[in-house]
Amino acid sequence: MWIYEKKLQYPIRIKRPNPKLAKYIISQYGGPDGELAASLRYLSQRFHMPTKETKAILNDIGTEELVPLGYQ
């Protein structure tokens, strides 16, 4: 198992906010080509796979795509 500790490795001090870059980064998580969309596609496709092995692979890939979303 693992222990979740929500702390930063390095202190962050934002001197100049960049809304355009922030919008791009957020779109990578929640946009049409983002992590969440990819994860949901993999997880929904697993129900149509003919063998247990392919279902397991898509399940693993789909849950792996969710990992970056947990580090915010």
C-alpha atoms as a PDB file:
ATOM      1  CA  MET A   1       0.000   0.000   0.000  1.00  0.00           C
ATOM      2  CA  TRP A   2       0.977   3.621  -0.088  1.00  0.00           C
ATOM      3  CA  ILE A   3       0.451   6.700   2.063  1.00  0.00           C
ATOM      4  CA  TYR A   4      -0.812   9.899   0.496  1.00  0.00           C
ATOM      5  CA  GLU A   5       0.859  13.046   1.792  1.00  0.00           C
ATOM      6  CA  LYS A   6      -0.200  16.253   0.100  1.00  0.00           C
ATOM      7  CA  LYS A   7       2.920  18.370   0.211  1.00  0.00           C
ATOM      8  CA  LEU A   8       5.104  20.017  -2.401  1.00  0.00           C
ATOM      9  CA  GLN A   9       8.677  18.914  -2.980  1.00  0.00           C
ATOM     10  CA  TYR A  10       9.771  22.487  -3.590  1.00  0.00           C
ATOM     11  CA  PRO A  11       8.218  25.783  -2.477  1.00  0.00           C
ATOM     12  CA  ILE A  12       6.393  27.558  -5.305  1.00  0.00           C
ATOM     13  CA  ARG A  13       6.286  31.307  -5.702  1.00  0.00           C
ATOM     14  CA  ILE A  14       4.504  32.541  -8.807  1.00  0.00           C
ATOM     15  CA  LYS A  15       5.974  35.893  -9.801  1.00  0.00           C
ATOM     16  CA  ARG A  16       4.101  36.404 -13.080  1.00  0.00           C
ATOM     17  CA  PRO A  17       0.834  34.504 -13.600  1.00  0.00           C
ATOM     18  CA  ASN A  18       0.316  33.285 -17.159  1.00  0.00           C
ATOM     19  CA  PRO A  19      -3.386  32.609 -17.826  1.00  0.00           C
ATOM     20  CA  LYS A  20      -2.745  31.350 -21.381  1.00  0.00           C
ATOM     21  CA  LEU A  21      -0.336  28.683 -20.156  1.00  0.00           C
ATOM     22  CA  ALA A  22      -2.670  27.770 -17.285  1.00  0.00           C
ATOM     23  CA  LYS A  23      -5.528  27.270 -19.754  1.00  0.00           C
ATOM     24  CA  TYR A  24      -3.339  24.985 -21.878  1.00  0.00           C
ATOM     25  CA  ILE A  25      -2.251  22.896 -18.880  1.00  0.00           C
ATOM     26  CA  ILE A  26      -5.829  22.491 -17.639  1.00  0.00           C
ATOM     27  CA  SER A  27      -6.956  21.444 -21.123  1.00  0.00           C
ATOM     28  CA  GLN A  28      -4.390  18.621 -21.031  1.00  0.00           C
ATOM     29  CA  TYR A  29      -6.180  17.211 -17.991  1.00  0.00           C
ATOM     30  CA  GLY A  30      -9.824  17.827 -18.799  1.00  0.00           C
ATOM     31  CA  GLY A  31      -9.999  18.696 -22.495  1.00  0.00           C
ATOM     32  CA  PRO A  32     -11.092  16.388 -25.307  1.00  0.00           C
ATOM     33  CA  ASP A  33      -7.561  14.997 -25.652  1.00  0.00           C
ATOM     34  CA  GLY A  34      -6.780  15.132 -21.955  1.00  0.00           C
ATOM     35  CA  GLU A  35      -6.001  12.504 -19.360  1.00  0.00           C
ATOM     36  CA  LEU A  36      -9.566  12.160 -18.105  1.00  0.00           C
ATOM     37  CA  ALA A  37     -11.049  11.700 -21.586  1.00  0.00           C
ATOM     38  CA  ALA A  38      -8.431   9.097 -22.487  1.00  0.00           C
ATOM     39  CA  SER A  39      -9.027   7.229 -19.254  1.00  0.00           C
ATOM     40  CA  LEU A  40     -12.785   7.116 -19.785  1.00  0.00           C
ATOM     41  CA  ARG A  41     -12.331   5.871 -23.353  1.00  0.00           C
ATOM     42  CA  TYR A  42     -10.111   2.993 -22.210  1.00  0.00           C
ATOM     43  CA  LEU A  43     -12.390   2.084 -19.326  1.00  0.00           C
ATOM     44  CA  SER A  44     -15.519   2.088 -21.481  1.00  0.00           C
ATOM     45  CA  GLN A  45     -13.902   0.036 -24.258  1.00  0.00           C
ATOM     46  CA  ARG A  46     -13.008  -2.761 -21.871  1.00  0.00           C
ATOM     47  CA  PHE A  47     -16.654  -3.871 -21.716  1.00  0.00           C
ATOM     48  CA  HIS A  48     -16.580  -4.802 -25.417  1.00  0.00           C
ATOM     49  CA  MET A  49     -13.408  -6.899 -25.356  1.00  0.00           C
ATOM     50  CA  PRO A  50     -13.767 -10.614 -26.093  1.00  0.00           C
ATOM     51  CA  THR A  51     -11.157 -11.983 -23.671  1.00  0.00           C
ATOM     52  CA  LYS A  52     -10.346 -11.434 -20.014  1.00  0.00           C
ATOM     53  CA  GLU A  53      -6.767 -10.505 -20.871  1.00  0.00           C
ATOM     54  CA  THR A  54      -7.736  -7.616 -23.137  1.00  0.00           C
ATOM     55  CA  LYS A  55     -10.267  -6.401 -20.570  1.00  0.00           C
ATOM     56  CA  ALA A  56      -7.532  -6.442 -17.924  1.00  0.00           C
ATOM     57  CA  ILE A  57      -5.098  -4.550 -20.150  1.00  0.00           C
ATOM     58  CA  LEU A  58      -7.612  -1.801 -20.920  1.00  0.00           C
ATOM     59  CA  ASN A  59      -8.513  -1.595 -17.237  1.00  0.00           C
ATOM     60  CA  ASP A  60      -4.834  -1.155 -16.327  1.00  0.00           C
ATOM     61  CA  ILE A  61      -4.270   1.486 -19.002  1.00  0.00           C
ATOM     62  CA  GLY A  62      -7.442   3.363 -18.029  1.00  0.00           C
ATOM     63  CA  THR A  63      -6.535   3.490 -14.354  1.00  0.00           C
ATOM     64  CA  GLU A  64      -2.962   4.497 -15.229  1.00  0.00           C
ATOM     65  CA  GLU A  65      -4.325   7.479 -17.174  1.00  0.00           C
ATOM     66  CA  LEU A  66      -6.083   8.643 -13.985  1.00  0.00           C
ATOM     67  CA  VAL A  67      -2.825   8.872 -11.997  1.00  0.00           C
ATOM     68  CA  PRO A  68      -1.831  12.430 -13.056  1.00  0.00           C
ATOM     69  CA  LEU A  69      -5.223  13.713 -11.968  1.00  0.00           C
ATOM     70  CA  GLY A  70      -4.528  12.729  -8.365  1.00  0.00           C
ATOM     71  CA  TYR A  71      -1.442  14.916  -7.962  1.00  0.00           C
ATOM     72  CA  GLN A  72      -3.146  18.284  -7.890  1.00  0.00           C
END
